[in-house]
């Protein structure tokens, strides 16, 4: 996994992007098999129920918001020009809003009947200078592993 360059590094605020136990359902994989075809997954997926609040991992400006019937996202750009994307959400912020760490920015939405996804989840991606990075490296895993309200669990795909 490529490391986020030092000039772009930040640590996600505790209790974000979801409060409670974080369950990783799909990890950052440069190449994986998906429905019998090769695919990349330059993000992580966290299990979440419809209506669950989504909180910004960092402060910044809402760079882009898309609220479509088939899928939606919120993108926040930090003062270090890192873009953090939260996908499969119902946004509650709008473009150019300024957000602070731990601010609610969206809720998890239900997938439509034609969606290729079968379980609601939060898809989190990080981009810097056109390159994608594993979001796990900005989450303070060593700190959250010791608190009952924010534990990251890893599950193997079968």
N, C-alpha and C. Protein backbone atom coordinates (compact mmCIF):
# COMPACT_ATOMS: atom_id res chain seq x y z
N UNK A 1 0.83 -1.19 0.00
CA UNK A 1 0.00 0.00 0.00
C UNK A 1 0.87 1.25 0.00
N UNK A 2 0.56 2.18 -0.90
CA UNK A 2 1.29 3.44 -0.94
C UNK A 2 0.96 4.26 0.30
N UNK A 3 1.98 4.90 0.86
CA UNK A 3 1.75 5.77 2.01
C UNK A 3 1.41 7.17 1.53
N UNK A 4 0.46 7.79 2.20
CA UNK A 4 0.11 9.17 1.93
C UNK A 4 1.35 10.02 2.23
N UNK A 5 1.78 10.90 1.30
CA UNK A 5 2.97 11.71 1.54
C UNK A 5 2.87 12.53 2.84
N UNK A 6 3.99 12.77 3.46
CA UNK A 6 4.03 13.48 4.75
C UNK A 6 3.30 14.82 4.69
N UNK A 7 3.44 15.55 3.58
CA UNK A 7 2.80 16.87 3.50
C UNK A 7 1.27 16.79 3.43
N UNK A 8 0.74 15.62 3.16
CA UNK A 8 -0.71 15.45 3.04
C UNK A 8 -1.31 14.70 4.23
N UNK A 9 -0.46 14.16 5.09
CA UNK A 9 -0.91 13.29 6.17
C UNK A 9 -1.81 14.02 7.16
N UNK A 10 -2.85 13.34 7.61
CA UNK A 10 -3.71 13.83 8.68
C UNK A 10 -4.21 12.62 9.45
N UNK A 11 -4.75 12.85 10.63
CA UNK A 11 -5.31 11.78 11.43
C UNK A 11 -6.81 12.02 11.54
N UNK A 12 -7.59 11.03 11.21
CA UNK A 12 -9.05 11.15 11.29
C UNK A 12 -9.47 11.41 12.73
N UNK A 13 -10.46 12.26 12.89
CA UNK A 13 -10.99 12.55 14.21
C UNK A 13 -11.57 11.27 14.81
N UNK A 14 -11.39 11.05 16.12
CA UNK A 14 -11.97 9.86 16.76
C UNK A 14 -13.49 9.84 16.57
N UNK A 15 -14.05 8.64 16.43
CA UNK A 15 -15.49 8.51 16.26
C UNK A 15 -15.98 8.83 14.85
N UNK A 16 -15.05 8.87 13.88
CA UNK A 16 -15.44 9.15 12.50
C UNK A 16 -14.89 8.05 11.61
N UNK A 17 -15.44 7.81 10.45
CA UNK A 17 -16.57 8.49 9.84
C UNK A 17 -17.93 8.02 10.37
N UNK A 18 -17.95 6.93 11.13
CA UNK A 18 -19.18 6.43 11.74
C UNK A 18 -18.92 6.30 13.24
N UNK A 19 -19.94 6.52 14.04
CA UNK A 19 -19.74 6.30 15.47
C UNK A 19 -19.98 4.83 15.78
N UNK A 20 -19.45 4.37 16.88
CA UNK A 20 -19.63 2.98 17.25
C UNK A 20 -18.58 2.09 16.62
N UNK A 21 -18.85 0.80 16.61
CA UNK A 21 -17.91 -0.17 16.08
C UNK A 21 -17.85 -0.07 14.56
N UNK A 22 -16.63 0.03 14.02
CA UNK A 22 -16.43 0.09 12.58
C UNK A 22 -16.12 -1.31 12.08
N UNK A 23 -16.95 -1.82 11.17
CA UNK A 23 -16.74 -3.16 10.62
C UNK A 23 -16.38 -3.02 9.15
N UNK A 24 -15.15 -3.41 8.85
CA UNK A 24 -14.65 -3.34 7.48
C UNK A 24 -15.21 -4.51 6.69
N UNK A 25 -15.99 -4.21 5.64
CA UNK A 25 -16.58 -5.28 4.83
C UNK A 25 -15.84 -5.48 3.51
N UNK A 26 -15.06 -4.48 3.10
CA UNK A 26 -14.25 -4.61 1.90
C UNK A 26 -13.07 -3.67 2.04
N UNK A 27 -11.87 -4.21 1.91
CA UNK A 27 -10.68 -3.42 2.12
C UNK A 27 -10.16 -2.76 0.87
N UNK A 28 -9.08 -2.03 1.04
CA UNK A 28 -8.39 -1.35 -0.04
C UNK A 28 -7.60 -2.39 -0.82
N UNK A 29 -8.01 -2.64 -2.05
CA UNK A 29 -7.39 -3.68 -2.86
C UNK A 29 -7.08 -3.15 -4.26
N UNK A 30 -5.79 -3.02 -4.60
CA UNK A 30 -5.45 -2.55 -5.94
C UNK A 30 -6.02 -3.43 -7.05
N UNK A 31 -6.23 -4.74 -6.77
CA UNK A 31 -6.84 -5.64 -7.76
C UNK A 31 -7.60 -6.72 -7.02
N UNK A 32 -8.83 -6.97 -7.44
CA UNK A 32 -9.63 -8.03 -6.82
C UNK A 32 -10.57 -8.62 -7.87
N UNK A 33 -11.17 -9.74 -7.54
CA UNK A 33 -12.16 -10.36 -8.43
C UNK A 33 -13.54 -9.95 -7.93
N UNK A 34 -14.35 -9.45 -8.83
CA UNK A 34 -15.70 -9.03 -8.50
C UNK A 34 -16.64 -9.53 -9.59
N UNK A 35 -17.55 -10.41 -9.20
CA UNK A 35 -18.50 -10.97 -10.16
C UNK A 35 -17.79 -11.50 -11.40
N UNK A 36 -16.76 -12.31 -11.18
CA UNK A 36 -16.01 -13.00 -12.22
C UNK A 36 -15.21 -12.07 -13.14
N UNK A 37 -14.97 -10.82 -12.70
CA UNK A 37 -14.11 -9.94 -13.48
C UNK A 37 -13.11 -9.26 -12.55
N UNK A 38 -11.97 -8.90 -13.08
CA UNK A 38 -10.95 -8.20 -12.29
C UNK A 38 -11.40 -6.77 -12.06
N UNK A 39 -11.16 -6.27 -10.88
CA UNK A 39 -11.57 -4.92 -10.54
C UNK A 39 -10.66 -4.38 -9.45
N UNK A 40 -10.53 -3.08 -9.37
CA UNK A 40 -9.78 -2.44 -8.30
C UNK A 40 -10.75 -1.82 -7.32
N UNK A 41 -10.34 -1.71 -6.07
CA UNK A 41 -11.15 -1.08 -5.03
C UNK A 41 -10.22 -0.17 -4.24
N UNK A 42 -10.09 1.08 -4.70
CA UNK A 42 -9.19 2.03 -4.08
C UNK A 42 -9.89 2.79 -2.97
N UNK A 43 -10.48 2.04 -2.04
CA UNK A 43 -11.24 2.61 -0.94
C UNK A 43 -11.47 1.52 0.09
N UNK A 44 -12.18 1.86 1.16
CA UNK A 44 -12.64 0.85 2.10
C UNK A 44 -14.15 0.97 2.24
N UNK A 45 -14.79 -0.12 2.58
CA UNK A 45 -16.22 -0.12 2.83
C UNK A 45 -16.45 -0.48 4.29
N UNK A 46 -17.31 0.28 4.94
CA UNK A 46 -17.65 0.05 6.34
C UNK A 46 -19.14 -0.26 6.43
N UNK A 47 -19.47 -1.32 7.15
CA UNK A 47 -20.87 -1.70 7.31
C UNK A 47 -21.63 -0.59 8.03
N UNK A 48 -22.83 -0.30 7.54
CA UNK A 48 -23.68 0.72 8.17
C UNK A 48 -25.13 0.48 7.77
N UNK A 49 -26.03 0.80 8.66
CA UNK A 49 -27.47 0.66 8.39
C UNK A 49 -28.01 1.95 7.78
N UNK A 50 -29.12 1.83 7.06
CA UNK A 50 -29.79 2.99 6.49
C UNK A 50 -30.11 3.98 7.62
N UNK A 51 -29.80 5.25 7.38
CA UNK A 51 -30.08 6.29 8.36
C UNK A 51 -28.94 6.58 9.32
N UNK A 52 -27.89 5.75 9.32
CA UNK A 52 -26.75 5.98 10.20
C UNK A 52 -26.07 7.29 9.83
N UNK A 53 -25.71 8.08 10.82
CA UNK A 53 -25.03 9.36 10.58
C UNK A 53 -23.60 9.13 10.11
N UNK A 54 -23.16 9.97 9.17
CA UNK A 54 -21.79 9.95 8.66
C UNK A 54 -21.13 11.26 9.06
N UNK A 55 -19.94 11.17 9.67
CA UNK A 55 -19.24 12.33 10.19
C UNK A 55 -17.94 12.56 9.44
N UNK A 56 -17.60 13.82 9.22
CA UNK A 56 -16.36 14.16 8.52
C UNK A 56 -15.16 13.74 9.36
N UNK A 57 -14.20 13.08 8.72
CA UNK A 57 -12.99 12.65 9.40
C UNK A 57 -12.03 13.81 9.62
N UNK A 58 -12.21 14.90 8.87
CA UNK A 58 -11.30 16.04 8.92
C UNK A 58 -12.07 17.32 8.60
N UNK A 59 -11.46 18.44 8.91
CA UNK A 59 -12.05 19.71 8.51
C UNK A 59 -11.72 20.01 7.06
N UNK A 60 -12.46 20.93 6.49
CA UNK A 60 -12.20 21.32 5.11
C UNK A 60 -13.42 21.96 4.49
N UNK A 61 -13.43 21.96 3.17
CA UNK A 61 -14.53 22.55 2.39
C UNK A 61 -15.19 21.45 1.58
N UNK A 62 -16.51 21.50 1.49
CA UNK A 62 -17.23 20.54 0.66
C UNK A 62 -16.89 20.87 -0.79
N UNK A 63 -16.15 19.98 -1.40
CA UNK A 63 -15.61 20.14 -2.75
C UNK A 63 -16.65 19.77 -3.80
N UNK A 64 -17.44 18.75 -3.51
CA UNK A 64 -18.47 18.29 -4.46
C UNK A 64 -19.53 17.51 -3.69
N UNK A 65 -20.76 17.62 -4.17
CA UNK A 65 -21.88 16.85 -3.61
C UNK A 65 -22.71 16.36 -4.79
N UNK A 66 -23.07 15.11 -4.75
CA UNK A 66 -23.95 14.53 -5.78
C UNK A 66 -25.06 13.81 -5.04
N UNK A 67 -26.30 14.12 -5.39
CA UNK A 67 -27.43 13.49 -4.74
C UNK A 67 -28.38 12.98 -5.83
N UNK A 68 -28.06 11.80 -6.35
CA UNK A 68 -28.83 11.21 -7.44
C UNK A 68 -29.69 10.09 -6.91
N UNK A 69 -30.64 9.66 -7.70
CA UNK A 69 -31.52 8.57 -7.26
C UNK A 69 -30.78 7.23 -7.19
N UNK A 70 -29.75 7.04 -8.04
CA UNK A 70 -29.04 5.76 -8.05
C UNK A 70 -27.88 5.70 -7.06
N UNK A 71 -27.27 6.82 -6.75
CA UNK A 71 -26.19 6.85 -5.77
C UNK A 71 -25.78 8.30 -5.51
N UNK A 72 -25.14 8.54 -4.37
CA UNK A 72 -24.78 9.89 -3.98
C UNK A 72 -23.46 9.89 -3.22
N UNK A 73 -22.83 11.07 -3.17
CA UNK A 73 -21.57 11.19 -2.45
C UNK A 73 -21.36 12.59 -1.93
N UNK A 74 -20.40 12.71 -1.00
CA UNK A 74 -19.89 13.99 -0.51
C UNK A 74 -18.37 13.91 -0.62
N UNK A 75 -17.74 14.96 -1.17
CA UNK A 75 -16.28 15.04 -1.24
C UNK A 75 -15.84 16.28 -0.46
N UNK A 76 -14.90 16.07 0.44
CA UNK A 76 -14.37 17.17 1.25
C UNK A 76 -12.89 17.33 0.91
N UNK A 77 -12.46 18.57 0.67
CA UNK A 77 -11.05 18.84 0.40
C UNK A 77 -10.47 19.54 1.63
N UNK A 78 -9.33 19.01 2.09
CA UNK A 78 -8.69 19.55 3.29
C UNK A 78 -7.80 20.73 2.93
N UNK A 79 -7.26 21.40 3.94
CA UNK A 79 -6.33 22.50 3.70
C UNK A 79 -5.02 22.02 3.09
N UNK A 80 -4.81 20.69 3.09
CA UNK A 80 -3.61 20.09 2.47
C UNK A 80 -3.93 19.55 1.07
N UNK A 81 -5.12 19.87 0.55
CA UNK A 81 -5.58 19.44 -0.77
C UNK A 81 -5.78 17.93 -0.89
N UNK A 82 -6.11 17.28 0.21
CA UNK A 82 -6.49 15.87 0.20
C UNK A 82 -8.00 15.82 0.03
N UNK A 83 -8.48 14.98 -0.88
CA UNK A 83 -9.92 14.83 -1.11
C UNK A 83 -10.38 13.55 -0.43
N UNK A 84 -11.35 13.68 0.48
CA UNK A 84 -11.93 12.53 1.15
C UNK A 84 -13.35 12.37 0.61
N UNK A 85 -13.63 11.18 0.05
CA UNK A 85 -14.94 10.90 -0.54
C UNK A 85 -15.72 9.94 0.33
N UNK A 86 -16.99 10.28 0.57
CA UNK A 86 -17.93 9.44 1.31
C UNK A 86 -19.05 9.09 0.32
N UNK A 87 -19.16 7.81 -0.05
CA UNK A 87 -20.09 7.38 -1.10
C UNK A 87 -21.19 6.49 -0.52
N UNK A 88 -22.34 6.49 -1.17
CA UNK A 88 -23.55 5.74 -0.78
C UNK A 88 -24.24 6.44 0.40
N UNK A 89 -24.32 7.76 0.30
CA UNK A 89 -24.88 8.56 1.39
C UNK A 89 -25.98 9.48 0.89
N UNK A 90 -26.79 9.97 1.84
CA UNK A 90 -27.74 11.05 1.58
C UNK A 90 -27.11 12.31 2.19
N UNK A 91 -26.57 13.21 1.35
CA UNK A 91 -25.85 14.38 1.86
C UNK A 91 -26.75 15.33 2.64
N UNK A 92 -26.19 15.96 3.68
CA UNK A 92 -26.90 17.03 4.38
C UNK A 92 -26.10 18.33 4.31
N UNK A 93 -24.97 18.31 3.59
CA UNK A 93 -24.18 19.51 3.36
C UNK A 93 -24.28 19.86 1.89
N UNK A 94 -23.86 21.08 1.55
CA UNK A 94 -23.87 21.48 0.15
C UNK A 94 -22.50 21.99 -0.27
N UNK A 95 -22.30 22.06 -1.59
CA UNK A 95 -21.01 22.47 -2.14
C UNK A 95 -20.58 23.80 -1.52
N UNK A 96 -19.29 23.88 -1.19
CA UNK A 96 -18.63 25.04 -0.61
C UNK A 96 -18.91 25.26 0.88
N UNK A 97 -19.73 24.40 1.51
CA UNK A 97 -19.87 24.48 2.97
C UNK A 97 -18.51 24.21 3.60
N UNK A 98 -18.23 24.86 4.71
CA UNK A 98 -17.02 24.58 5.49
C UNK A 98 -17.42 23.61 6.60
N UNK A 99 -16.66 22.54 6.74
CA UNK A 99 -16.97 21.54 7.77
C UNK A 99 -15.79 21.40 8.73
N UNK A 100 -16.12 20.96 9.93
CA UNK A 100 -15.11 20.71 10.95
C UNK A 100 -15.07 19.22 11.23
N UNK A 101 -13.97 18.73 11.81
CA UNK A 101 -13.92 17.31 12.14
C UNK A 101 -15.09 16.92 13.06
N UNK A 102 -15.64 15.73 12.81
CA UNK A 102 -16.75 15.16 13.58
C UNK A 102 -18.12 15.78 13.26
N UNK A 103 -18.16 16.69 12.29
CA UNK A 103 -19.44 17.28 11.89
C UNK A 103 -20.22 16.28 11.04
N UNK A 104 -21.52 16.15 11.30
CA UNK A 104 -22.33 15.27 10.46
C UNK A 104 -22.46 15.88 9.08
N UNK A 105 -22.19 15.04 8.06
CA UNK A 105 -22.24 15.51 6.67
C UNK A 105 -23.27 14.76 5.84
N UNK A 106 -23.74 13.61 6.35
CA UNK A 106 -24.65 12.77 5.56
C UNK A 106 -25.23 11.68 6.44
N UNK A 107 -26.13 10.90 5.84
CA UNK A 107 -26.61 9.65 6.45
C UNK A 107 -26.49 8.56 5.39
N UNK A 108 -26.44 7.33 5.85
CA UNK A 108 -26.37 6.20 4.92
C UNK A 108 -27.73 6.06 4.23
N UNK A 109 -27.72 5.84 2.93
CA UNK A 109 -28.96 5.72 2.16
C UNK A 109 -29.21 4.28 1.73
N UNK A 110 -30.43 4.01 1.40
CA UNK A 110 -30.82 2.69 0.89
C UNK A 110 -30.47 2.62 -0.58
N UNK A 111 -29.97 1.46 -0.99
CA UNK A 111 -29.67 1.27 -2.40
C UNK A 111 -30.95 1.04 -3.17
N UNK A 112 -30.98 1.50 -4.41
CA UNK A 112 -32.13 1.29 -5.27
C UNK A 112 -32.21 -0.15 -5.74
N UNK A 113 -33.35 -0.54 -6.34
CA UNK A 113 -33.56 -1.93 -6.77
C UNK A 113 -32.61 -2.37 -7.88
N UNK A 114 -32.03 -1.42 -8.62
CA UNK A 114 -31.12 -1.77 -9.71
C UNK A 114 -29.65 -1.67 -9.31
N UNK A 115 -29.40 -1.46 -8.04
CA UNK A 115 -28.02 -1.30 -7.57
C UNK A 115 -27.27 -2.62 -7.65
N UNK A 116 -25.96 -2.53 -7.94
CA UNK A 116 -25.11 -3.72 -7.94
C UNK A 116 -24.71 -4.11 -6.53
N UNK A 117 -25.03 -3.27 -5.55
CA UNK A 117 -24.67 -3.55 -4.15
C UNK A 117 -25.86 -4.18 -3.44
N UNK A 118 -25.59 -5.11 -2.54
CA UNK A 118 -26.70 -5.76 -1.86
C UNK A 118 -26.77 -5.45 -0.38
N UNK A 119 -25.81 -4.77 0.17
CA UNK A 119 -25.82 -4.37 1.57
C UNK A 119 -25.42 -2.90 1.68
N UNK A 120 -26.17 -2.16 2.49
CA UNK A 120 -25.82 -0.76 2.69
C UNK A 120 -24.47 -0.70 3.39
N UNK A 121 -23.66 0.28 3.00
CA UNK A 121 -22.35 0.48 3.60
C UNK A 121 -21.86 1.88 3.26
N UNK A 122 -20.80 2.30 3.93
CA UNK A 122 -20.14 3.56 3.62
C UNK A 122 -18.84 3.25 2.90
N UNK A 123 -18.66 3.83 1.75
CA UNK A 123 -17.46 3.68 0.93
C UNK A 123 -16.62 4.94 1.16
N UNK A 124 -15.39 4.78 1.65
CA UNK A 124 -14.53 5.92 1.96
C UNK A 124 -13.27 5.84 1.10
N UNK A 125 -12.97 6.93 0.38
CA UNK A 125 -11.78 6.98 -0.48
C UNK A 125 -10.99 8.24 -0.17
N UNK A 126 -9.67 8.16 -0.36
CA UNK A 126 -8.78 9.31 -0.16
C UNK A 126 -7.95 9.49 -1.42
N UNK A 127 -7.87 10.74 -1.87
CA UNK A 127 -7.11 11.06 -3.09
C UNK A 127 -6.23 12.28 -2.81
N UNK A 128 -5.01 12.23 -3.33
CA UNK A 128 -4.08 13.35 -3.21
C UNK A 128 -3.27 13.43 -4.49
N UNK A 129 -3.32 14.58 -5.13
CA UNK A 129 -2.60 14.81 -6.39
C UNK A 129 -2.89 13.72 -7.41
N UNK A 130 -4.15 13.32 -7.52
CA UNK A 130 -4.58 12.35 -8.51
C UNK A 130 -4.30 10.90 -8.17
N UNK A 131 -3.71 10.63 -7.02
CA UNK A 131 -3.40 9.25 -6.60
C UNK A 131 -4.34 8.86 -5.47
N UNK A 132 -4.74 7.57 -5.44
CA UNK A 132 -5.60 7.04 -4.39
C UNK A 132 -4.75 6.40 -3.30
N UNK A 133 -5.21 6.56 -2.04
CA UNK A 133 -4.50 6.02 -0.89
C UNK A 133 -5.47 5.29 0.02
N UNK A 134 -4.96 4.32 0.77
CA UNK A 134 -5.78 3.54 1.69
C UNK A 134 -6.22 4.42 2.86
N UNK A 135 -7.53 4.61 3.06
CA UNK A 135 -8.02 5.45 4.16
C UNK A 135 -7.66 4.92 5.55
N UNK A 136 -7.38 3.62 5.66
CA UNK A 136 -7.03 3.07 6.97
C UNK A 136 -5.80 3.75 7.56
N UNK A 137 -4.90 4.26 6.71
CA UNK A 137 -3.67 4.84 7.24
C UNK A 137 -3.88 6.19 7.93
N UNK A 138 -5.04 6.83 7.74
CA UNK A 138 -5.30 8.09 8.44
C UNK A 138 -6.20 7.87 9.66
N UNK A 139 -6.77 6.68 9.76
CA UNK A 139 -7.60 6.38 10.93
C UNK A 139 -6.67 5.98 12.07
N UNK A 140 -6.91 6.52 13.25
CA UNK A 140 -6.04 6.28 14.39
C UNK A 140 -6.38 4.93 15.00
N UNK A 141 -5.98 3.87 14.32
CA UNK A 141 -6.35 2.51 14.71
C UNK A 141 -5.80 2.16 16.08
N UNK A 142 -4.56 2.53 16.37
CA UNK A 142 -3.97 2.15 17.66
C UNK A 142 -4.73 2.78 18.81
N UNK A 143 -5.23 3.98 18.63
CA UNK A 143 -6.00 4.62 19.69
C UNK A 143 -7.40 4.02 19.78
N UNK A 144 -8.06 3.81 18.63
CA UNK A 144 -9.43 3.33 18.66
C UNK A 144 -9.54 1.88 19.09
N UNK A 145 -8.47 1.10 18.93
CA UNK A 145 -8.53 -0.30 19.36
C UNK A 145 -8.73 -0.43 20.86
N UNK A 146 -8.41 0.61 21.61
CA UNK A 146 -8.54 0.55 23.07
C UNK A 146 -9.84 1.16 23.59
N UNK A 147 -10.71 1.61 22.69
CA UNK A 147 -11.96 2.21 23.15
C UNK A 147 -13.12 1.37 22.66
N UNK A 148 -14.09 1.12 23.52
CA UNK A 148 -15.19 0.23 23.14
C UNK A 148 -16.10 0.80 22.05
N UNK A 149 -16.09 2.12 21.84
CA UNK A 149 -17.02 2.69 20.86
C UNK A 149 -16.43 2.84 19.47
N UNK A 150 -15.19 2.45 19.24
CA UNK A 150 -14.60 2.59 17.91
C UNK A 150 -13.52 1.55 17.69
N UNK A 151 -13.92 0.36 17.32
CA UNK A 151 -12.98 -0.74 17.07
C UNK A 151 -13.10 -1.14 15.61
N UNK A 152 -11.98 -1.26 14.93
CA UNK A 152 -11.99 -1.66 13.53
C UNK A 152 -11.82 -3.17 13.45
N UNK A 153 -12.79 -3.86 12.90
CA UNK A 153 -12.73 -5.31 12.74
C UNK A 153 -12.45 -5.62 11.28
N UNK A 154 -11.62 -6.60 11.02
CA UNK A 154 -11.33 -7.02 9.66
C UNK A 154 -12.03 -8.34 9.38
N UNK A 155 -12.67 -8.43 8.22
CA UNK A 155 -13.36 -9.65 7.82
C UNK A 155 -12.81 -10.10 6.49
N UNK A 156 -12.51 -11.38 6.38
CA UNK A 156 -12.03 -11.90 5.11
C UNK A 156 -13.22 -12.13 4.17
N UNK A 157 -13.02 -11.79 2.89
CA UNK A 157 -14.03 -12.08 1.87
C UNK A 157 -13.91 -13.54 1.53
N UNK A 158 -15.05 -14.24 1.38
CA UNK A 158 -15.03 -15.66 1.03
C UNK A 158 -15.30 -15.85 -0.43
